[in-house]
């Protein structure tokens, strides 16, 4: 009952349109006072500090900076041009191009919202200029942006690794196959519905355009290779890879002359604001997580499941439903911070692979980014397309179903995610 009460109060605060960070912090404060344990509020500053420190978490602001640099420095345009030369004539045309380009771009940015707000504007304009209905183009942008946190590098994987202690490098590698399958699922949906929805395709641009666009995009295409290759070979850590991504994006931006010195203050300021917002949520969630652990909610949940004789498959199904419901009301990173202290003991008890669980949880959170009322990718795309969030939500449901099917497959066939890290780094100990 205490668990239900805590999440009910949190939900009420969210429905009151309080900022996420305020809702999380006020829920914890209210329950400490309500349970007559207000003296523990003295722990709040230290718990918030601990929740935002750590070497692994240094990667988060640097990946945010890298994504913003790429959106300004001409990298995204070159990637899109190359994908258009390859996939433009395929049924679904520029819709297929958007997904393919997002799969490549996500190998450098790591953030769904950054992809939607930055790269998404390039995708949307190209599709709209080529005869796409605005709502169809916007729906494709929302769906393709969710590839960012799945295909490495990924801010979500960095956060999951920091919270659970599992290898971020293994998490990065584990995202490759699921991200590829997820992208293929989206492309199939676009291709199969292209004729019925009147989605146009581009004409074949010729081998010269393929060659020229590849030459133009070659260095951006090398970005993911350098980042992941450096991690796998041990040249730098996942945290240091974020700094490498920043410098690489900076160098290419100046080399292409699309990035100017005058752009840097704006890019850095936007990155600071985005990083600070995320760190505030992390700080509040750390205190909330301490309340959850102090009241032994994970232990009580385990005892309840044990009394119900629920097996591993049933536990996984319950967790999937819980995260899907939370995704309706909470921003994705907040879900990590709130639920991992509860789910981690369950994962260890039932013998789930934490690497695979990190991938599954990330995909579930991406579904949350596509569902109202708190779908962050919906808000990001709605801001520049001027299409309502609810109309976008209706447009993305086929992709949502596709991602959910991929997620369920991964949840019950862990080898899909773990095969790549096991192959390249050896079996986990």
Protein backbone atom coordinates (compact mmCIF):
# COMPACT_ATOMS: atom_id res chain seq x y z
CA UNK A 1 0.00 0.00 0.00
CA UNK A 2 2.90 2.35 0.71
CA UNK A 3 4.25 1.76 -2.81
CA UNK A 4 0.84 2.50 -4.35
CA UNK A 5 0.52 5.60 -2.17
CA UNK A 6 3.92 6.99 -3.18
CA UNK A 7 3.28 6.60 -6.90
CA UNK A 8 -0.29 7.88 -6.56
CA UNK A 9 0.95 11.10 -4.95
CA UNK A 10 3.65 11.43 -7.62
CA UNK A 11 1.00 11.00 -10.33
CA UNK A 12 -1.23 13.66 -8.74
CA UNK A 13 1.65 16.14 -8.72
CA UNK A 14 2.34 15.40 -12.39
CA UNK A 15 -1.33 15.85 -13.31
CA UNK A 16 -1.14 19.25 -11.56
CA UNK A 17 1.48 20.15 -14.23
CA UNK A 18 4.27 20.52 -11.70
CA UNK A 19 7.77 20.22 -13.21
CA UNK A 20 9.06 16.67 -13.01
CA UNK A 21 11.90 17.60 -10.68
CA UNK A 22 9.49 19.35 -8.28
CA UNK A 23 7.01 16.46 -8.35
CA UNK A 24 9.70 13.90 -7.52
CA UNK A 25 11.27 15.95 -4.71
CA UNK A 26 7.95 16.97 -3.15
CA UNK A 27 6.73 13.38 -3.12
CA UNK A 28 9.78 12.27 -1.14
CA UNK A 29 9.56 15.24 1.26
CA UNK A 30 5.83 14.73 1.83
CA UNK A 31 6.22 11.05 2.70
CA UNK A 32 9.12 11.62 5.08
CA UNK A 33 7.01 14.20 6.92
CA UNK A 34 3.83 12.10 6.69
CA UNK A 35 5.58 9.06 8.15
CA UNK A 36 6.91 11.13 11.05
CA UNK A 37 10.49 10.89 9.87
CA UNK A 38 11.13 14.48 8.89
CA UNK A 39 14.56 14.37 10.52
CA UNK A 40 15.79 12.41 7.50
CA UNK A 41 15.33 15.52 5.33
CA UNK A 42 18.75 16.54 6.61
CA UNK A 43 20.05 13.82 4.28
CA UNK A 44 18.51 15.46 1.23
CA UNK A 45 21.50 17.64 0.19
CA UNK A 46 23.99 14.78 0.47
CA UNK A 47 21.77 12.31 -1.39
CA UNK A 48 21.17 14.82 -4.18
CA UNK A 49 24.89 15.48 -4.43
CA UNK A 50 25.72 11.77 -4.63
CA UNK A 51 23.10 11.30 -7.33
CA UNK A 52 24.81 13.76 -9.67
CA UNK A 53 28.45 12.82 -9.20
CA UNK A 54 30.46 10.04 -10.76
CA UNK A 55 32.96 9.66 -13.58
CA UNK A 56 30.49 7.88 -15.87
CA UNK A 57 27.96 10.72 -15.64
CA UNK A 58 30.51 13.17 -17.07
CA UNK A 59 29.64 11.70 -20.47
CA UNK A 60 26.09 13.08 -20.39
CA UNK A 61 26.76 16.82 -20.91
CA UNK A 62 29.47 16.07 -23.48
CA UNK A 63 27.13 13.92 -25.59
CA UNK A 64 24.57 16.75 -25.40
CA UNK A 65 27.21 19.21 -26.63
CA UNK A 66 28.24 16.79 -29.40
CA UNK A 67 24.66 16.49 -30.65
CA UNK A 68 24.19 20.26 -30.72
CA UNK A 69 27.48 20.75 -32.54
CA UNK A 70 26.49 18.21 -35.20
CA UNK A 71 23.13 19.84 -35.80
CA UNK A 72 24.87 23.17 -36.43
CA UNK A 73 28.06 21.99 -38.12
CA UNK A 74 26.68 20.54 -41.36
CA UNK A 75 27.20 16.89 -40.36
CA UNK A 76 23.50 16.06 -40.37
CA UNK A 77 22.98 17.50 -43.87
CA UNK A 78 25.77 15.35 -45.33
CA UNK A 79 24.45 12.18 -43.68
CA UNK A 80 20.93 12.93 -44.97
CA UNK A 81 22.16 13.56 -48.51
CA UNK A 82 24.00 10.23 -48.64
CA UNK A 83 21.03 8.27 -47.28
CA UNK A 84 18.76 10.03 -49.77
CA UNK A 85 20.95 8.90 -52.67
CA UNK A 86 20.71 5.28 -51.47
CA UNK A 87 17.17 4.93 -50.13
CA UNK A 88 15.27 7.69 -51.96
CA UNK A 89 13.92 5.44 -54.74
CA UNK A 90 12.72 2.77 -52.28
CA UNK A 91 8.94 2.65 -51.56
CA UNK A 92 8.45 5.22 -48.84
CA UNK A 93 11.14 7.45 -50.33
CA UNK A 94 12.33 10.12 -47.94
CA UNK A 95 10.60 8.36 -45.05
CA UNK A 96 13.05 5.50 -45.49
CA UNK A 97 15.85 8.04 -45.84
CA UNK A 98 14.89 9.64 -42.52
CA UNK A 99 15.07 6.33 -40.66
CA UNK A 100 18.34 5.30 -42.29
CA UNK A 101 19.90 8.71 -41.61
CA UNK A 102 18.73 8.59 -38.00
CA UNK A 103 20.39 5.19 -37.57
CA UNK A 104 23.69 6.72 -38.69
CA UNK A 105 23.29 10.03 -36.84
CA UNK A 106 22.32 8.27 -33.61
CA UNK A 107 25.76 6.66 -33.68
CA UNK A 108 27.12 10.07 -32.68
CA UNK A 109 24.45 11.92 -30.69
CA UNK A 110 22.84 9.51 -28.18
CA UNK A 111 19.72 11.56 -27.43
CA UNK A 112 16.20 11.09 -28.84
CA UNK A 113 15.01 14.60 -28.01
CA UNK A 114 18.16 16.17 -29.52
CA UNK A 115 17.65 14.13 -32.70
CA UNK A 116 13.99 15.14 -32.88
CA UNK A 117 14.57 18.85 -32.24
CA UNK A 118 17.73 19.22 -34.36
CA UNK A 119 18.09 16.61 -37.09
CA UNK A 120 14.31 16.29 -37.20
CA UNK A 121 13.93 19.76 -38.69
CA UNK A 122 16.11 18.77 -41.65
CA UNK A 123 14.14 15.56 -42.15
CA UNK A 124 10.76 17.27 -41.87
CA UNK A 125 11.59 20.07 -44.30
CA UNK A 126 12.95 17.63 -46.90
CA UNK A 127 9.86 15.41 -46.75
CA UNK A 128 7.42 18.33 -46.76
CA UNK A 129 9.18 19.96 -49.73
CA UNK A 130 8.84 16.66 -51.62
CA UNK A 131 5.08 16.34 -51.25
CA UNK A 132 4.66 14.54 -47.93
CA UNK A 133 1.61 15.38 -45.88
CA UNK A 134 2.91 17.36 -42.87
CA UNK A 135 1.46 14.97 -40.29
CA UNK A 136 2.98 11.90 -42.02
CA UNK A 137 6.38 13.57 -42.24
CA UNK A 138 6.21 14.66 -38.61
CA UNK A 139 5.22 11.16 -37.48
CA UNK A 140 8.23 9.65 -39.24
CA UNK A 141 10.51 12.21 -37.55
CA UNK A 142 9.12 11.33 -34.11
CA UNK A 143 9.55 7.60 -34.68
CA UNK A 144 13.04 7.78 -36.18
CA UNK A 145 14.31 10.02 -33.38
CA UNK A 146 13.80 7.19 -30.88
CA UNK A 147 16.70 5.32 -32.48
CA UNK A 148 19.13 7.79 -30.86
CA UNK A 149 19.35 6.25 -27.39
CA UNK A 150 19.36 2.64 -28.68
CA UNK A 151 22.14 2.68 -31.26
CA UNK A 152 25.36 3.58 -29.41
CA UNK A 153 26.62 5.84 -28.04
CA UNK A 154 23.65 6.50 -25.81
CA UNK A 155 22.96 8.83 -22.91
CA UNK A 156 20.36 6.35 -21.63
CA UNK A 157 22.96 3.57 -21.50
CA UNK A 158 25.37 5.86 -19.65
CA UNK A 159 22.71 6.59 -17.03
CA UNK A 160 21.73 2.92 -16.71
CA UNK A 161 25.36 1.93 -16.30
CA UNK A 162 25.94 4.61 -13.66
CA UNK A 163 22.88 3.50 -11.69
CA UNK A 164 23.49 -0.26 -11.85
CA UNK A 165 27.26 -0.54 -12.06
CA UNK A 166 27.21 -2.61 -15.26
CA UNK A 167 29.67 -1.97 -18.08
CA UNK A 168 28.68 0.99 -20.24
CA UNK A 169 30.88 -0.37 -23.05
CA UNK A 170 28.90 -3.64 -23.05
CA UNK A 171 25.65 -1.67 -23.03
CA UNK A 172 26.80 0.35 -26.04
CA UNK A 173 27.60 -2.81 -27.98
CA UNK A 174 24.34 -4.45 -26.89
CA UNK A 175 22.36 -1.66 -28.56
CA UNK A 176 23.61 -2.39 -32.09
CA UNK A 177 21.39 -5.32 -33.10
CA UNK A 178 18.24 -4.09 -31.30
CA UNK A 179 18.70 -0.63 -32.85
CA UNK A 180 19.15 -2.15 -36.31
CA UNK A 181 16.07 -4.37 -35.89
CA UNK A 182 14.10 -1.39 -34.62
CA UNK A 183 15.12 0.68 -37.65
CA UNK A 184 14.28 -2.14 -40.08
CA UNK A 185 10.85 -2.49 -38.43
CA UNK A 186 10.17 1.21 -39.01
CA UNK A 187 11.32 1.01 -42.62
CA UNK A 188 9.06 -1.99 -43.25
CA UNK A 189 6.09 -0.11 -41.80
CA UNK A 190 6.81 2.89 -44.03
CA UNK A 191 7.30 0.69 -47.11
CA UNK A 192 4.19 -1.41 -46.55
CA UNK A 193 1.95 1.63 -46.01
CA UNK A 194 3.54 3.88 -48.67
CA UNK A 195 0.99 3.22 -51.43
CA UNK A 196 -2.12 3.30 -49.24
CA UNK A 197 -1.05 6.58 -47.60
CA UNK A 198 0.18 8.24 -50.76
CA UNK A 199 3.78 8.52 -49.60
CA UNK A 200 5.90 9.65 -52.58
CA UNK A 201 9.30 8.27 -53.49
CA UNK A 202 12.29 10.06 -54.98
CA UNK A 203 13.65 9.34 -58.41
CA UNK A 204 16.98 7.55 -58.77
CA UNK A 205 19.71 10.19 -58.57
CA UNK A 206 22.33 8.10 -60.35
CA UNK A 207 25.62 6.57 -59.33
CA UNK A 208 27.42 9.90 -59.56
CA UNK A 209 25.25 11.33 -56.77
CA UNK A 210 25.80 8.18 -54.70
CA UNK A 211 29.55 8.56 -55.12
CA UNK A 212 29.60 12.31 -54.48
CA UNK A 213 27.31 12.10 -51.45
CA UNK A 214 29.40 9.27 -50.00
CA UNK A 215 32.57 11.35 -50.38
CA UNK A 216 30.83 14.28 -48.70
CA UNK A 217 29.52 12.10 -45.84
CA UNK A 218 32.61 9.89 -45.42
CA UNK A 219 34.08 11.71 -42.40
CA UNK A 220 30.71 11.98 -40.59
CA UNK A 221 30.17 8.26 -41.28
CA UNK A 222 33.50 7.56 -39.61
CA UNK A 223 32.30 9.18 -36.40
CA UNK A 224 30.50 6.12 -35.00
CA UNK A 225 33.37 3.89 -36.14
CA UNK A 226 35.91 6.01 -34.25
CA UNK A 227 33.77 6.30 -31.12
CA UNK A 228 32.78 2.64 -30.80
CA UNK A 229 36.12 1.37 -32.11
CA UNK A 230 37.97 3.39 -29.49
CA UNK A 231 35.80 1.98 -26.71
CA UNK A 232 36.09 -1.65 -27.85
CA UNK A 233 39.87 -1.46 -28.32
CA UNK A 234 40.32 0.26 -24.96
CA UNK A 235 41.85 3.44 -26.40
CA UNK A 236 39.34 5.47 -24.38
CA UNK A 237 36.49 4.83 -21.96
CA UNK A 238 32.78 5.38 -22.74
CA UNK A 239 32.99 8.60 -20.72
CA UNK A 240 36.01 9.80 -22.67
CA UNK A 241 34.27 8.85 -25.93
CA UNK A 242 31.79 11.67 -25.34
CA UNK A 243 34.68 14.16 -25.32
CA UNK A 244 36.06 12.55 -28.49
CA UNK A 245 32.64 12.98 -30.12
CA UNK A 246 32.64 16.69 -29.16
CA UNK A 247 36.08 17.34 -30.63
CA UNK A 248 35.28 15.33 -33.76
CA UNK A 249 32.05 17.28 -34.35
CA UNK A 250 33.88 20.55 -33.67
CA UNK A 251 36.70 19.77 -36.11
CA UNK A 252 34.30 18.67 -38.88
CA UNK A 253 32.06 21.69 -38.35
CA UNK A 254 34.97 24.11 -38.81
CA UNK A 255 36.43 22.05 -41.69
CA UNK A 256 33.10 22.21 -43.56
CA UNK A 257 32.83 25.93 -42.69
CA UNK A 258 29.25 25.37 -41.50
CA UNK A 259 30.22 26.05 -37.89
CA UNK A 260 31.36 29.56 -36.92
CA UNK A 261 33.06 30.79 -33.77
CA UNK A 262 30.03 33.00 -33.12
CA UNK A 263 27.84 29.84 -32.97
CA UNK A 264 29.76 28.35 -30.04
CA UNK A 265 28.35 30.54 -27.21
CA UNK A 266 24.78 29.71 -28.26
CA UNK A 267 25.55 25.98 -28.60
CA UNK A 268 27.30 25.84 -25.23
CA UNK A 269 24.52 27.78 -23.51
CA UNK A 270 21.83 25.47 -24.92
CA UNK A 271 23.89 22.46 -23.87
CA UNK A 272 24.33 23.87 -20.35
CA UNK A 273 20.59 24.39 -19.99
CA UNK A 274 19.81 20.88 -21.22
CA UNK A 275 22.48 19.33 -18.97
CA UNK A 276 21.37 21.33 -15.93
CA UNK A 277 17.73 20.29 -16.43
CA UNK A 278 18.78 16.64 -16.55
CA UNK A 279 21.05 16.97 -13.50
CA UNK A 280 18.24 18.54 -11.48
CA UNK A 281 16.03 15.55 -12.25
CA UNK A 282 18.88 13.19 -11.32
CA UNK A 283 19.42 14.99 -8.01
CA UNK A 284 15.75 14.90 -7.02
CA UNK A 285 15.41 11.28 -8.16
CA UNK A 286 18.42 10.28 -6.03
CA UNK A 287 16.62 11.50 -2.91
CA UNK A 288 13.40 9.82 -4.05
CA UNK A 289 15.33 6.59 -4.62
CA UNK A 290 16.71 6.78 -1.11
CA UNK A 291 13.13 6.99 0.23
CA UNK A 292 12.24 3.88 -1.81
CA UNK A 293 15.20 1.94 -0.44
CA UNK A 294 14.79 3.20 3.13
CA UNK A 295 11.16 2.05 3.23
CA UNK A 296 12.28 -1.34 1.85
CA UNK A 297 9.87 -1.13 -1.09
CA UNK A 298 11.98 -3.48 -3.30
CA UNK A 299 12.06 -6.08 -0.53
CA UNK A 300 8.32 -5.85 -0.03
CA UNK A 301 7.72 -6.12 -3.76
CA UNK A 302 9.91 -9.22 -3.97
CA UNK A 303 8.03 -10.78 -1.06
CA UNK A 304 4.69 -10.06 -2.73
CA UNK A 305 5.81 -11.61 -6.02
CA UNK A 306 7.20 -14.64 -4.20
CA UNK A 307 3.89 -15.19 -2.46
CA UNK A 308 2.15 -15.04 -5.85
CA UNK A 309 4.56 -17.65 -7.27
CA UNK A 310 5.30 -15.44 -10.28
CA UNK A 311 8.04 -16.82 -12.52
CA UNK A 312 10.71 -14.84 -14.40
CA UNK A 313 8.51 -14.43 -17.49
CA UNK A 314 5.66 -13.07 -15.38
CA UNK A 315 8.00 -10.66 -13.58
CA UNK A 316 9.32 -9.36 -16.90
CA UNK A 317 5.77 -8.89 -18.19
CA UNK A 318 4.81 -6.97 -15.03
CA UNK A 319 7.86 -4.71 -15.36
CA UNK A 320 7.09 -4.01 -19.03
CA UNK A 321 3.54 -2.96 -18.15
CA UNK A 322 4.75 -0.76 -15.26
CA UNK A 323 7.29 1.09 -17.41
CA UNK A 324 4.77 1.56 -20.23
CA UNK A 325 2.32 3.12 -17.76
CA UNK A 326 4.99 5.34 -16.20
CA UNK A 327 6.04 6.41 -19.70
CA UNK A 328 2.65 8.08 -20.08
CA UNK A 329 3.39 10.46 -17.21
CA UNK A 330 7.16 10.65 -16.67
CA UNK A 331 10.12 11.81 -18.72
CA UNK A 332 12.37 8.90 -19.70
CA UNK A 333 15.40 9.67 -17.54
CA UNK A 334 13.18 10.14 -14.50
CA UNK A 335 11.83 6.62 -15.03
CA UNK A 336 15.39 5.27 -14.83
CA UNK A 337 16.10 7.07 -11.58
CA UNK A 338 12.80 6.15 -9.92
CA UNK A 339 12.44 2.50 -10.92
CA UNK A 340 15.96 1.07 -11.02
CA UNK A 341 16.33 1.01 -7.21
CA UNK A 342 13.14 -1.07 -7.19
CA UNK A 343 13.81 -3.29 -10.20
CA UNK A 344 17.51 -4.03 -9.62
CA UNK A 345 16.95 -6.47 -6.71
CA UNK A 346 14.27 -8.21 -8.80
CA UNK A 347 16.66 -8.58 -11.72
CA UNK A 348 19.32 -10.13 -9.49
CA UNK A 349 16.83 -12.42 -7.74
CA UNK A 350 15.34 -13.81 -10.95
CA UNK A 351 18.66 -14.02 -12.79
CA UNK A 352 17.91 -11.52 -15.57
CA UNK A 353 20.81 -10.28 -17.66
CA UNK A 354 21.28 -6.63 -16.69
CA UNK A 355 22.81 -5.71 -20.05
CA UNK A 356 19.76 -6.97 -21.89
CA UNK A 357 17.46 -5.37 -19.32
CA UNK A 358 19.12 -2.02 -19.92
CA UNK A 359 18.33 -2.31 -23.64
CA UNK A 360 14.74 -3.44 -22.98
CA UNK A 361 14.17 -0.61 -20.53
CA UNK A 362 15.56 1.93 -22.99
CA UNK A 363 13.19 0.74 -25.73
CA UNK A 364 10.24 0.95 -23.36
CA UNK A 365 11.21 4.50 -22.46
CA UNK A 366 11.39 5.34 -26.17
CA UNK A 367 7.77 4.22 -26.42
CA UNK A 368 7.04 6.67 -23.61
CA UNK A 369 8.68 9.42 -25.68
CA UNK A 370 6.02 8.77 -28.34
CA UNK A 371 2.96 8.70 -26.07
CA UNK A 372 1.06 11.66 -24.57
CA UNK A 373 0.69 13.44 -22.25
CA UNK A 374 4.47 13.57 -21.52
CA UNK A 375 5.96 12.30 -24.80
CA UNK A 376 9.11 14.41 -25.07
CA UNK A 377 9.74 13.60 -28.75
CA UNK A 378 6.13 14.54 -29.53
CA UNK A 379 6.66 17.93 -27.88
CA UNK A 380 9.99 18.48 -29.66
CA UNK A 381 8.54 17.80 -33.13
CA UNK A 382 5.29 19.64 -32.40
CA UNK A 383 7.30 22.77 -31.50
CA UNK A 384 8.59 23.30 -35.06
CA UNK A 385 5.89 21.56 -37.15
CA UNK A 386 2.99 23.27 -35.32
CA UNK A 387 1.10 19.96 -35.44
CA UNK A 388 -0.71 19.17 -32.20
CA UNK A 389 0.70 16.56 -29.86
CA UNK A 390 -2.49 14.50 -30.00
CA UNK A 391 -2.49 14.46 -33.82
CA UNK A 392 1.16 13.36 -33.78
CA UNK A 393 0.29 10.63 -31.27
CA UNK A 394 -2.32 9.24 -33.67
CA UNK A 395 0.24 9.31 -36.49
CA UNK A 396 2.98 7.36 -34.68
CA UNK A 397 0.94 4.42 -33.38
CA UNK A 398 2.08 1.95 -36.12
CA UNK A 399 5.72 2.65 -35.22
CA UNK A 400 4.88 2.39 -31.54
CA UNK A 401 3.46 -1.10 -32.09
CA UNK A 402 6.56 -2.06 -34.07
CA UNK A 403 8.91 -0.92 -31.28
CA UNK A 404 6.80 -2.74 -28.68
CA UNK A 405 7.03 -6.01 -30.64
CA UNK A 406 10.80 -5.63 -30.92
CA UNK A 407 10.98 -4.91 -27.18
CA UNK A 408 8.99 -8.03 -26.27
CA UNK A 409 11.24 -10.10 -28.55
CA UNK A 410 14.34 -8.75 -26.79
CA UNK A 411 12.85 -9.25 -23.35
CA UNK A 412 12.39 -12.97 -23.91
CA UNK A 413 15.36 -13.60 -26.24
CA UNK A 414 18.26 -11.86 -24.45
CA UNK A 415 20.86 -13.29 -26.83
CA UNK A 416 19.83 -10.75 -29.48
CA UNK A 417 21.27 -7.94 -27.37
CA UNK A 418 24.08 -9.77 -25.60
CA UNK A 419 25.58 -11.57 -28.62
CA UNK A 420 27.59 -8.58 -29.91
CA UNK A 421 29.23 -7.63 -26.57
CA UNK A 422 29.91 -11.32 -25.82
CA UNK A 423 31.52 -11.73 -29.25
CA UNK A 424 33.74 -8.64 -29.05
CA UNK A 425 34.47 -8.49 -25.32
CA UNK A 426 33.99 -12.07 -24.21
CA UNK A 427 31.21 -13.45 -22.01
CA UNK A 428 30.27 -11.27 -19.03
CA UNK A 429 31.67 -12.46 -15.72
